[in-house]
PDB file of N, CA and C in Angstrom:
ATOM      1  N   MET A   1      -1.723  -7.241  11.917  1.00  0.00           N
ATOM      2  CA  MET A   1      -2.757  -7.387  10.823  1.00  0.00           C
ATOM      3  C   MET A   1      -1.994  -8.699   9.624  1.00  0.00           C
ATOM      4  N   THR A   2      -3.046  -8.964   8.738  1.00  0.00           N
ATOM      5  CA  THR A   2      -2.438 -10.371   8.008  1.00  0.00           C
ATOM      6  C   THR A   2      -2.450  -9.379   6.560  1.00  0.00           C
ATOM      7  N   GLN A   3      -1.504  -9.595   5.832  1.00  0.00           N
ATOM      8  CA  GLN A   3      -1.818  -9.391   4.059  1.00  0.00           C
ATOM      9  C   GLN A   3      -2.938  -9.578   3.619  1.00  0.00           C
ATOM     10  N   ALA A   4      -3.990 -10.498   3.539  1.00  0.00           N
ATOM     11  CA  ALA A   4      -5.192 -10.755   3.855  1.00  0.00           C
ATOM     12  C   ALA A   4      -6.004  -9.689   3.789  1.00  0.00           C
ATOM     13  N   GLU A   5      -6.474  -9.419   5.599  1.00  0.00           N
ATOM     14  CA  GLU A   5      -6.581  -8.224   6.313  1.00  0.00           C
ATOM     15  C   GLU A   5      -6.328  -6.754   5.983  1.00  0.00           C
ATOM     16  N   LEU A   6      -5.660  -6.582   5.179  1.00  0.00           N
ATOM     17  CA  LEU A   6      -4.618  -5.519   4.882  1.00  0.00           C
ATOM     18  C   LEU A   6      -5.473  -5.790   3.134  1.00  0.00           C
ATOM     19  N   TYR A   7      -5.615  -6.570   2.625  1.00  0.00           N
ATOM     20  CA  TYR A   7      -6.182  -6.191   1.106  1.00  0.00           C
ATOM     21  C   TYR A   7      -7.701  -6.321   1.350  1.00  0.00           C
ATOM     22  N   ALA A   8      -8.290  -7.006   2.733  1.00  0.00           N
ATOM     23  CA  ALA A   8      -9.635  -6.279   2.848  1.00  0.00           C
ATOM     24  C   ALA A   8     -10.262  -5.104   3.162  1.00  0.00           C
ATOM     25  N   ALA A   9      -9.116  -4.593   3.877  1.00  0.00           N
ATOM     26  CA  ALA A   9      -9.093  -2.999   4.386  1.00  0.00           C
ATOM     27  C   ALA A   9      -9.431  -2.241   2.644  1.00  0.00           C
ATOM     28  N   LEU A  10      -8.342  -2.174   2.040  1.00  0.00           N
ATOM     29  CA  LEU A  10      -8.057  -1.567   0.980  1.00  0.00           C
ATOM     30  C   LEU A  10      -9.477  -1.489   0.070  1.00  0.00           C
ATOM     31  N   LYS A  11     -10.151  -2.908  -0.022  1.00  0.00           N
ATOM     32  CA  LYS A  11     -11.534  -2.744  -0.617  1.00  0.00           C
ATOM     33  C   LYS A  11     -12.148  -2.308  -0.307  1.00  0.00           C
ATOM     34  N   THR A  12     -12.423  -1.869   0.791  1.00  0.00           N
ATOM     35  CA  THR A  12     -13.493  -0.764   1.447  1.00  0.00           C
ATOM     36  C   THR A  12     -13.438   0.692   0.854  1.00  0.00           C
ATOM     37  N   LEU A  13     -12.344   1.094   0.263  1.00  0.00           N
ATOM     38  CA  LEU A  13     -11.613   2.210  -0.197  1.00  0.00           C
ATOM     39  C   LEU A  13     -12.914   2.487  -1.603  1.00  0.00           C
ATOM     40  N   ASP A  14     -13.351   1.462  -2.099  1.00  0.00           N
ATOM     41  CA  ASP A  14     -14.305   0.887  -3.237  1.00  0.00           C
ATOM     42  C   ASP A  14     -13.624   1.528  -4.599  1.00  0.00           C
ATOM     43  N   LEU A  15     -12.498   1.396  -4.113  1.00  0.00           N
ATOM     44  CA  LEU A  15     -11.382   1.441  -5.779  1.00  0.00           C
ATOM     45  C   LEU A  15     -11.403  -0.344  -5.844  1.00  0.00           C
ATOM     46  N   PRO A  16     -10.671  -0.171  -7.003  1.00  0.00           N
ATOM     47  CA  PRO A  16     -10.256  -1.369  -7.633  1.00  0.00           C
ATOM     48  C   PRO A  16      -8.538  -1.628  -6.950  1.00  0.00           C
ATOM     49  N   VAL A  17      -8.405  -2.977  -6.631  1.00  0.00           N
ATOM     50  CA  VAL A  17      -7.112  -2.923  -5.883  1.00  0.00           C
ATOM     51  C   VAL A  17      -6.926  -4.508  -5.921  1.00  0.00           C
ATOM     52  N   ALA A  18      -5.392  -4.592  -6.241  1.00  0.00           N
ATOM     53  CA  ALA A  18      -4.722  -5.957  -6.612  1.00  0.00           C
ATOM     54  C   ALA A  18      -3.246  -5.895  -5.803  1.00  0.00           C
ATOM     55  N   TYR A  19      -3.062  -7.499  -5.822  1.00  0.00           N
ATOM     56  CA  TYR A  19      -1.545  -7.831  -5.040  1.00  0.00           C
ATOM     57  C   TYR A  19      -0.721  -7.605  -6.330  1.00  0.00           C
ATOM     58  N   GLY A  20       0.046  -6.950  -6.338  1.00  0.00           N
ATOM     59  CA  GLY A  20       1.132  -6.732  -7.793  1.00  0.00           C
ATOM     60  C   GLY A  20       0.816  -5.965  -8.765  1.00  0.00           C
ATOM     61  N   GLU A  21      -0.372  -6.585  -9.522  1.00  0.00           N
ATOM     62  CA  GLU A  21      -0.576  -5.805 -10.604  1.00  0.00           C
ATOM     63  C   GLU A  21      -1.817  -6.297 -11.305  1.00  0.00           C
ATOM     64  N   PHE A  22      -2.824  -5.484 -12.066  1.00  0.00           N
ATOM     65  CA  PHE A  22      -3.758  -5.983 -12.445  1.00  0.00           C
ATOM     66  C   PHE A  22      -3.809  -7.118 -13.732  1.00  0.00           C
ATOM     67  N   THR A  23      -4.297  -8.245 -14.028  1.00  0.00           N
ATOM     68  CA  THR A  23      -4.626  -8.682 -15.202  1.00  0.00           C
ATOM     69  C   THR A  23      -4.917  -7.642 -16.409  1.00  0.00           C
ATOM     70  N   ASN A  24      -5.629  -6.827 -16.457  1.00  0.00           N
ATOM     71  CA  ASN A  24      -5.898  -6.201 -17.141  1.00  0.00           C
ATOM     72  C   ASN A  24      -6.495  -4.604 -17.096  1.00  0.00           C
ATOM     73  N   PRO A  25      -6.196  -3.875 -17.938  1.00  0.00           N
ATOM     74  CA  PRO A  25      -6.228  -2.271 -17.798  1.00  0.00           C
ATOM     75  C   PRO A  25      -7.187  -1.886 -17.071  1.00  0.00           C
ATOM     76  N   GLN A  26      -6.798  -0.461 -15.844  1.00  0.00           N
ATOM     77  CA  GLN A  26      -7.669  -0.117 -14.810  1.00  0.00           C
ATOM     78  C   GLN A  26      -7.825   0.995 -15.780  1.00  0.00           C
ATOM     79  N   VAL A  27      -9.001   1.734 -14.996  1.00  0.00           N
ATOM     80  CA  VAL A  27      -9.385   3.073 -15.102  1.00  0.00           C
ATOM     81  C   VAL A  27      -9.090   3.662 -13.695  1.00  0.00           C
ATOM     82  N   PRO A  28      -7.887   4.743 -13.745  1.00  0.00           N
ATOM     83  CA  PRO A  28      -7.807   4.917 -12.311  1.00  0.00           C
ATOM     84  C   PRO A  28      -9.169   6.240 -11.883  1.00  0.00           C
ATOM     85  N   PRO A  29      -9.081   6.000 -10.665  1.00  0.00           N
ATOM     86  CA  PRO A  29      -7.862   5.783  -9.271  1.00  0.00           C
ATOM     87  C   PRO A  29      -8.024   3.979  -9.501  1.00  0.00           C
ATOM     88  N   PHE A  30      -6.576   3.940  -9.337  1.00  0.00           N
ATOM     89  CA  PHE A  30      -6.819   2.080  -8.417  1.00  0.00           C
ATOM     90  C   PHE A  30      -5.470   2.610  -7.463  1.00  0.00           C
ATOM     91  N   ILE A  31      -5.698   1.225  -6.827  1.00  0.00           N
ATOM     92  CA  ILE A  31      -4.941   0.856  -5.960  1.00  0.00           C
ATOM     93  C   ILE A  31      -4.011  -0.755  -6.570  1.00  0.00           C
ATOM     94  N   THR A  32      -2.571  -0.836  -5.911  1.00  0.00           N
ATOM     95  CA  THR A  32      -1.783  -2.041  -6.114  1.00  0.00           C
ATOM     96  C   THR A  32      -1.152  -1.627  -4.795  1.00  0.00           C
ATOM     97  N   TYR A  33      -0.822  -3.378  -4.519  1.00  0.00           N
ATOM     98  CA  TYR A  33       0.535  -3.329  -3.351  1.00  0.00           C
ATOM     99  C   TYR A  33       0.990  -4.243  -3.125  1.00  0.00           C
ATOM    100  N   HIS A  34       1.987  -4.729  -2.819  1.00  0.00           N
ATOM    101  CA  HIS A  34       2.935  -5.676  -2.542  1.00  0.00           C
ATOM    102  C   HIS A  34       3.743  -5.846  -1.453  1.00  0.00           C
ATOM    103  N   HIS A  35       4.394  -6.965  -1.187  1.00  0.00           N
ATOM    104  CA  HIS A  35       5.280  -6.945  -0.093  1.00  0.00           C
ATOM    105  C   HIS A  35       6.798  -6.581  -0.744  1.00  0.00           C
ATOM    106  N   ALA A  36       7.450  -5.403  -0.278  1.00  0.00           N
ATOM    107  CA  ALA A  36       8.648  -4.573  -0.942  1.00  0.00           C
ATOM    108  C   ALA A  36       9.503  -5.434   0.211  1.00  0.00           C
ATOM    109  N   TYR A  37       9.609  -6.034   0.997  1.00  0.00           N
ATOM    110  CA  TYR A  37      10.767  -6.595   1.774  1.00  0.00           C
ATOM    111  C   TYR A  37      10.652  -6.701   2.934  1.00  0.00           C
ATOM    112  N   SER A  38      11.775  -7.473   3.682  1.00  0.00           N
ATOM    113  CA  SER A  38      11.034  -8.414   5.459  1.00  0.00           C
ATOM    114  C   SER A  38      12.435  -7.577   6.309  1.00  0.00           C
ATOM    115  N   ASN A  39      12.104  -6.715   7.463  1.00  0.00           N
ATOM    116  CA  ASN A  39      12.972  -5.870   8.268  1.00  0.00           C
ATOM    117  C   ASN A  39      12.587  -7.032   9.662  1.00  0.00           C
ATOM    118  N   ASP A  40      12.971  -8.298   9.688  1.00  0.00           N
ATOM    119  CA  ASP A  40      12.807  -8.796  10.990  1.00  0.00           C
ATOM    120  C   ASP A  40      13.572  -8.711  12.134  1.00  0.00           C
ATOM    121  N   MET A  41      12.728  -8.845  13.191  1.00  0.00           N
ATOM    122  CA  MET A  41      13.265  -8.441  14.259  1.00  0.00           C
ATOM    123  C   MET A  41      14.365 -10.164  14.419  1.00  0.00           C
ATOM    124  N   MET A  42      15.496 -10.190  15.138  1.00  0.00           N
ATOM    125  CA  MET A  42      16.577 -11.461  15.048  1.00  0.00           C
ATOM    126  C   MET A  42      16.650 -11.082  16.559  1.00  0.00           C
ATOM    127  N   ALA A  43      16.988 -12.332  16.737  1.00  0.00           N
ATOM    128  CA  ALA A  43      17.141 -12.717  18.612  1.00  0.00           C
ATOM    129  C   ALA A  43      17.712 -14.312  18.732  1.00  0.00           C
ATOM    130  N   ASP A  44      19.116 -14.402  18.723  1.00  0.00           N
ATOM    131  CA  ASP A  44      19.751 -15.781  19.258  1.00  0.00           C
ATOM    132  C   ASP A  44      19.861 -16.535  18.079  1.00  0.00           C
ATOM    133  N   ASN A  45      20.213 -15.846  17.347  1.00  0.00           N
ATOM    134  CA  ASN A  45      20.401 -16.393  15.534  1.00  0.00           C
ATOM    135  C   ASN A  45      19.316 -16.747  15.166  1.00  0.00           C
ATOM    136  N   HIS A  46      17.900 -16.368  14.807  1.00  0.00           N
ATOM    137  CA  HIS A  46      16.686 -16.577  14.559  1.00  0.00           C
ATOM    138  C   HIS A  46      15.992 -15.958  13.909  1.00  0.00           C
ATOM    139  N   ASN A  47      15.037 -15.950  13.009  1.00  0.00           N
ATOM    140  CA  ASN A  47      13.893 -14.620  13.049  1.00  0.00           C
ATOM    141  C   ASN A  47      12.933 -14.710  14.179  1.00  0.00           C
ATOM    142  N   TYR A  48      12.842 -13.745  15.140  1.00  0.00           N
ATOM    143  CA  TYR A  48      12.325 -13.653  16.323  1.00  0.00           C
ATOM    144  C   TYR A  48      11.069 -13.327  16.068  1.00  0.00           C
ATOM    145  N   LEU A  49      10.721 -12.194  15.055  1.00  0.00           N
ATOM    146  CA  LEU A  49       9.363 -11.686  14.803  1.00  0.00           C
ATOM    147  C   LEU A  49       9.228 -11.161  13.277  1.00  0.00           C
ATOM    148  N   ASP A  50       8.296 -11.338  12.684  1.00  0.00           N
ATOM    149  CA  ASP A  50       8.019 -11.347  11.262  1.00  0.00           C
ATOM    150  C   ASP A  50       7.549  -9.668  11.083  1.00  0.00           C
ATOM    151  N   VAL A  51       8.396  -8.677  10.510  1.00  0.00           N
ATOM    152  CA  VAL A  51       8.099  -7.967  10.209  1.00  0.00           C
ATOM    153  C   VAL A  51       7.887  -7.453   8.705  1.00  0.00           C
ATOM    154  N   ALA A  52       6.816  -6.967   7.623  1.00  0.00           N
ATOM    155  CA  ALA A  52       6.801  -7.395   6.795  1.00  0.00           C
ATOM    156  C   ALA A  52       6.734  -5.500   6.118  1.00  0.00           C
ATOM    157  N   ASN A  53       7.640  -5.635   5.340  1.00  0.00           N
ATOM    158  CA  ASN A  53       7.313  -3.734   4.715  1.00  0.00           C
ATOM    159  C   ASN A  53       6.687  -4.114   3.456  1.00  0.00           C
ATOM    160  N   TYR A  54       5.348  -3.469   3.292  1.00  0.00           N
ATOM    161  CA  TYR A  54       4.595  -3.395   2.315  1.00  0.00           C
ATOM    162  C   TYR A  54       4.382  -1.833   1.446  1.00  0.00           C
ATOM    163  N   GLN A  55       4.222  -2.023   0.077  1.00  0.00           N
ATOM    164  CA  GLN A  55       3.903  -0.466  -0.042  1.00  0.00           C
ATOM    165  C   GLN A  55       2.671  -0.706  -0.873  1.00  0.00           C
ATOM    166  N   ILE A  56       1.612   0.224  -0.941  1.00  0.00           N
ATOM    167  CA  ILE A  56       0.477   0.698  -0.911  1.00  0.00           C
ATOM    168  C   ILE A  56       0.566   1.507  -2.309  1.00  0.00           C
ATOM    169  N   GLU A  57       0.540   1.396  -3.489  1.00  0.00           N
ATOM    170  CA  GLU A  57       0.734   2.621  -4.777  1.00  0.00           C
ATOM    171  C   GLU A  57      -1.124   2.674  -4.865  1.00  0.00           C
ATOM    172  N   LEU A  58      -1.051   4.490  -4.858  1.00  0.00           N
ATOM    173  CA  LEU A  58      -2.136   4.691  -5.521  1.00  0.00           C
ATOM    174  C   LEU A  58      -1.859   5.787  -6.739  1.00  0.00           C
ATOM    175  N   TYR A  59      -2.476   4.855  -7.696  1.00  0.00           N
ATOM    176  CA  TYR A  59      -2.591   5.613  -8.926  1.00  0.00           C
ATOM    177  C   TYR A  59      -3.594   6.769  -9.589  1.00  0.00           C
ATOM    178  N   THR A  60      -3.517   7.444  -9.978  1.00  0.00           N
ATOM    179  CA  THR A  60      -4.245   8.848 -10.147  1.00  0.00           C
ATOM    180  C   THR A  60      -3.920   9.197 -12.000  1.00  0.00           C
ATOM    181  N   THR A  61      -5.049   9.930 -12.264  1.00  0.00           N
ATOM    182  CA  THR A  61      -4.650  10.785 -13.276  1.00  0.00           C
ATOM    183  C   THR A  61      -4.174  12.278 -13.273  1.00  0.00           C
ATOM    184  N   LYS A  62      -4.218  12.775 -11.813  1.00  0.00           N
ATOM    185  CA  LYS A  62      -3.858  14.337 -11.625  1.00  0.00           C
ATOM    186  C   LYS A  62      -3.943  13.978 -10.396  1.00  0.00           C
ATOM    187  N   LYS A  63      -3.580  14.801  -9.861  1.00  0.00           N
ATOM    188  CA  LYS A  63      -3.037  14.930  -7.484  1.00  0.00           C
ATOM    189  C   LYS A  63      -4.241  15.089  -7.669  1.00  0.00           C
ATOM    190  N   ASP A  64      -4.617  14.033  -6.411  1.00  0.00           N
ATOM    191  CA  ASP A  64      -5.967  13.789  -6.194  1.00  0.00           C
ATOM    192  C   ASP A  64      -5.804  13.979  -4.402  1.00  0.00           C
ATOM    193  N   PRO A  65      -6.210  14.574  -3.968  1.00  0.00           N
ATOM    194  CA  PRO A  65      -5.920  15.206  -2.401  1.00  0.00           C
ATOM    195  C   PRO A  65      -6.940  14.458  -2.211  1.00  0.00           C
ATOM    196  N   ALA A  66      -8.660  14.636  -2.356  1.00  0.00           N
ATOM    197  CA  ALA A  66      -9.067  14.042  -1.324  1.00  0.00           C
ATOM    198  C   ALA A  66      -9.262  12.338  -1.554  1.00  0.00           C
ATOM    199  N   THR A  67      -8.973  11.875  -2.546  1.00  0.00           N
ATOM    200  CA  THR A  67      -8.530  10.484  -2.610  1.00  0.00           C
ATOM    201  C   THR A  67      -7.124   9.882  -1.815  1.00  0.00           C
ATOM    202  N   GLU A  68      -6.203  10.593  -1.761  1.00  0.00           N
ATOM    203  CA  GLU A  68      -5.219  10.428  -1.397  1.00  0.00           C
ATOM    204  C   GLU A  68      -5.579  10.470   0.179  1.00  0.00           C
ATOM    205  N   LYS A  69      -6.712  11.551   0.745  1.00  0.00           N
ATOM    206  CA  LYS A  69      -6.960  11.513   2.227  1.00  0.00           C
ATOM    207  C   LYS A  69      -7.335  10.164   2.354  1.00  0.00           C
ATOM    208  N   LYS A  70      -8.509   9.609   1.696  1.00  0.00           N
ATOM    209  CA  LYS A  70      -9.129   8.563   1.946  1.00  0.00           C
ATOM    210  C   LYS A  70      -8.104   7.316   2.430  1.00  0.00           C
ATOM    211  N   VAL A  71      -7.231   7.280   1.562  1.00  0.00           N
ATOM    212  CA  VAL A  71      -6.357   5.673   1.426  1.00  0.00           C
ATOM    213  C   VAL A  71      -5.648   6.728   3.419  1.00  0.00           C
ATOM    214  N   GLN A  72      -5.221   7.655   3.003  1.00  0.00           N
ATOM    215  CA  GLN A  72      -4.534   7.852   4.597  1.00  0.00           C
ATOM    216  C   GLN A  72      -5.557   7.818   5.985  1.00  0.00           C
ATOM    217  N   ASP A  73      -6.626   8.082   5.682  1.00  0.00           N
ATOM    218  CA  ASP A  73      -7.350   8.008   7.025  1.00  0.00           C
ATOM    219  C   ASP A  73      -7.899   6.501   7.436  1.00  0.00           C
ATOM    220  N   LEU A  74      -7.547   5.784   6.235  1.00  0.00           N
ATOM    221  CA  LEU A  74      -8.329   4.332   6.665  1.00  0.00           C
ATOM    222  C   LEU A  74      -6.768   3.922   7.209  1.00  0.00           C
ATOM    223  N   LEU A  75      -5.580   4.132   6.509  1.00  0.00           N
ATOM    224  CA  LEU A  75      -4.473   3.746   7.461  1.00  0.00           C
ATOM    225  C   LEU A  75      -3.981   4.416   9.089  1.00  0.00           C
ATOM    226  N   LYS A  76      -4.364   5.287   9.121  1.00  0.00           N
ATOM    227  CA  LYS A  76      -4.975   6.416  10.267  1.00  0.00           C
ATOM    228  C   LYS A  76      -5.594   5.255  11.291  1.00  0.00           C
ATOM    229  N   SER A  77      -7.167   4.548  10.897  1.00  0.00           N
ATOM    230  CA  SER A  77      -7.876   4.238  11.666  1.00  0.00           C
ATOM    231  C   SER A  77      -7.638   2.402  12.120  1.00  0.00           C
ATOM    232  N   LEU A  78      -6.757   2.245  10.785  1.00  0.00           N
ATOM    233  CA  LEU A  78      -5.931   0.821  11.674  1.00  0.00           C
ATOM    234  C   LEU A  78      -4.851   0.983  12.336  1.00  0.00           C
ATOM    235  N   ARG A  79      -4.568   1.983  12.335  1.00  0.00           N
ATOM    236  CA  ARG A  79      -3.366   2.690  13.414  1.00  0.00           C
ATOM    237  C   ARG A  79      -1.901   1.651  12.715  1.00  0.00           C
ATOM    238  N   LEU A  80      -1.648   1.834  11.178  1.00  0.00           N
ATOM    239  CA  LEU A  80      -0.564   1.361  10.612  1.00  0.00           C
ATOM    240  C   LEU A  80       0.220   2.807  10.274  1.00  0.00           C
ATOM    241  N   PRO A  81       1.254   3.024  10.838  1.00  0.00           N
ATOM    242  CA  PRO A  81       1.994   4.472  10.397  1.00  0.00           C
ATOM    243  C   PRO A  81       2.337   3.745   9.274  1.00  0.00           C
ATOM    244  N   TYR A  82       2.781   5.313   8.426  1.00  0.00           N
ATOM    245  CA  TYR A  82       3.365   5.710   7.219  1.00  0.00           C
ATOM    246  C   TYR A  82       4.024   6.416   6.368  1.00  0.00           C
ATOM    247  N   SER A  83       4.864   6.055   5.956  1.00  0.00           N
ATOM    248  CA  SER A  83       5.394   7.197   4.797  1.00  0.00           C
ATOM    249  C   SER A  83       5.404   7.095   2.982  1.00  0.00           C
ATOM    250  N   LYS A  84       5.056   8.422   3.069  1.00  0.00           N
ATOM    251  CA  LYS A  84       4.354   8.698   1.542  1.00  0.00           C
ATOM    252  C   LYS A  84       5.131   9.374   0.539  1.00  0.00           C
ATOM    253  N   VAL A  85       5.420   8.786  -0.549  1.00  0.00           N
ATOM    254  CA  VAL A  85       6.354   9.607  -1.596  1.00  0.00           C
ATOM    255  C   VAL A  85       5.576   9.697  -2.721  1.00  0.00           C
ATOM    256  N   GLU A  86       5.432  10.396  -3.540  1.00  0.00           N
ATOM    257  CA  GLU A  86       4.794  10.761  -5.051  1.00  0.00           C
ATOM    258  C   GLU A  86       5.582  10.778  -6.221  1.00  0.00           C
ATOM    259  N   ALA A  87       5.093  10.511  -6.913  1.00  0.00           N
ATOM    260  CA  ALA A  87       6.016  10.651  -8.303  1.00  0.00           C
ATOM    261  C   ALA A  87       4.821  10.601  -9.834  1.00  0.00           C
ATOM    262  N   TYR A  88       5.652  11.310 -10.693  1.00  0.00           N
ATOM    263  CA  TYR A  88       4.747  11.710 -11.739  1.00  0.00           C
ATOM    264  C   TYR A  88       5.609  10.425 -12.934  1.00  0.00           C
ATOM    265  N   ILE A  89       4.560   9.428 -13.166  1.00  0.00           N
ATOM    266  CA  ILE A  89       5.022   8.355 -14.436  1.00  0.00           C
ATOM    267  C   ILE A  89       4.974   8.865 -15.835  1.00  0.00           C
ATOM    268  N   GLU A  90       5.633   9.613 -16.184  1.00  0.00           N
ATOM    269  CA  GLU A  90       5.513  10.126 -17.922  1.00  0.00           C
ATOM    270  C   GLU A  90       4.972   9.258 -18.475  1.00  0.00           C
ATOM    271  N   SER A  91       5.652   7.672 -18.893  1.00  0.00           N
ATOM    272  CA  SER A  91       4.934   7.479 -19.831  1.00  0.00           C
ATOM    273  C   SER A  91       3.618   6.572 -19.650  1.00  0.00           C
ATOM    274  N   GLU A  92       3.495   6.834 -18.549  1.00  0.00           N
ATOM    275  CA  GLU A  92       1.868   6.221 -18.285  1.00  0.00           C
ATOM    276  C   GLU A  92       0.879   7.518 -18.562  1.00  0.00           C
ATOM    277  N   GLY A  93       0.934   8.795 -18.179  1.00  0.00           N
ATOM    278  CA  GLY A  93       0.181   9.917 -17.625  1.00  0.00           C
ATOM    279  C   GLY A  93      -0.347   9.297 -16.210  1.00  0.00           C
ATOM    280  N   LEU A  94       0.617   8.931 -15.431  1.00  0.00           N
ATOM    281  CA  LEU A  94      -0.402   8.689 -14.038  1.00  0.00           C
ATOM    282  C   LEU A  94       0.710   9.763 -12.925  1.00  0.00           C
ATOM    283  N   ARG A  95      -0.199   9.547 -12.136  1.00  0.00           N
ATOM    284  CA  ARG A  95       0.261   9.842 -10.879  1.00  0.00           C
ATOM    285  C   ARG A  95       0.588   9.171  -9.720  1.00  0.00           C
ATOM    286  N   GLN A  96       1.731   8.789  -9.016  1.00  0.00           N
ATOM    287  CA  GLN A  96       1.608   7.735  -8.438  1.00  0.00           C
ATOM    288  C   GLN A  96       1.818   7.720  -6.874  1.00  0.00           C
ATOM    289  N   VAL A  97       1.098   7.768  -6.041  1.00  0.00           N
ATOM    290  CA  VAL A  97       1.706   7.726  -4.501  1.00  0.00           C
ATOM    291  C   VAL A  97       1.699   6.728  -4.145  1.00  0.00           C
ATOM    292  N   ILE A  98       3.205   6.287  -3.019  1.00  0.00           N
ATOM    293  CA  ILE A  98       3.142   5.324  -2.840  1.00  0.00           C
ATOM    294  C   ILE A  98       3.113   5.148  -0.942  1.00  0.00           C
ATOM    295  N   TYR A  99       2.624   4.465  -0.438  1.00  0.00           N
ATOM    296  CA  TYR A  99       2.729   4.456   0.716  1.00  0.00           C
ATOM    297  C   TYR A  99       3.623   3.436   1.642  1.00  0.00           C
ATOM    298  N   GLU A 100       4.648   3.688   2.771  1.00  0.00           N
ATOM    299  CA  GLU A 100       5.242   2.239   2.760  1.00  0.00           C
ATOM    300  C   GLU A 100       4.648   1.945   4.563  1.00  0.00           C
ATOM    301  N   ILE A 101       4.385   0.703   4.647  1.00  0.00           N
ATOM    302  CA  ILE A 101       3.371   0.572   5.842  1.00  0.00           C
ATOM    303  C   ILE A 101       4.307  -0.353   6.293  1.00  0.00           C
ATOM    304  N   GLN A 102       4.180  -1.181   7.974  1.00  0.00           N
ATOM    305  CA  GLN A 102       5.238  -2.325   7.967  1.00  0.00           C
ATOM    306  C   GLN A 102       3.515  -3.120   8.785  1.00  0.00           C
ATOM    307  N   LEU A 103       3.663  -4.067   8.545  1.00  0.00           N
ATOM    308  CA  LEU A 103       2.949  -5.538   9.291  1.00  0.00           C
ATOM    309  C   LEU A 103       3.423  -6.272   9.847  1.00  0.00           C
ATOM    310  N   ILE A 104       3.559  -6.186  11.367  1.00  0.00           N
ATOM    311  CA  ILE A 104       4.316  -7.006  12.633  1.00  0.00           C
ATOM    312  C   ILE A 104       3.265  -8.288  12.983  1.00  0.00           C
ATOM    313  N   GLY A 105       4.490  -9.172  12.288  1.00  0.00           N
ATOM    314  CA  GLY A 105       3.751 -10.885  12.930  1.00  0.00           C
ATOM    315  C   GLY A 105       2.847 -11.016  11.854  1.00  0.00           C
ATOM    316  N   GLY A 106       2.675 -10.512  11.132  1.00  0.00           N
ATOM    317  CA  GLY A 106       0.851 -10.728   9.999  1.00  0.00           C
ATOM    318  C   GLY A 106       1.983 -11.630   8.654  1.00  0.00           C
TER     319      GLY A 106
END
């Protein structure tokens, strides 16, 4: 899967989606995502296989299990294993749920 395919899949959730950040304020819930780091497989002194680690960030005003389930169901349907972390951003009054995934070869 490529980054463009990931974006298209996230858009099917009917939530605002942006790479990195939005250029104007959004009303939650919304999603941002970005390339966090690479973890390429290496062999014979060169990068053999691209492994890109992405973070998909869901922002809501309160704990929203239904929206979280929509994101998780999408990731499962795409066969993208994920890890999940959440936090409350007091200065913004937002709850952040981060899903970390890997795109291999994309």
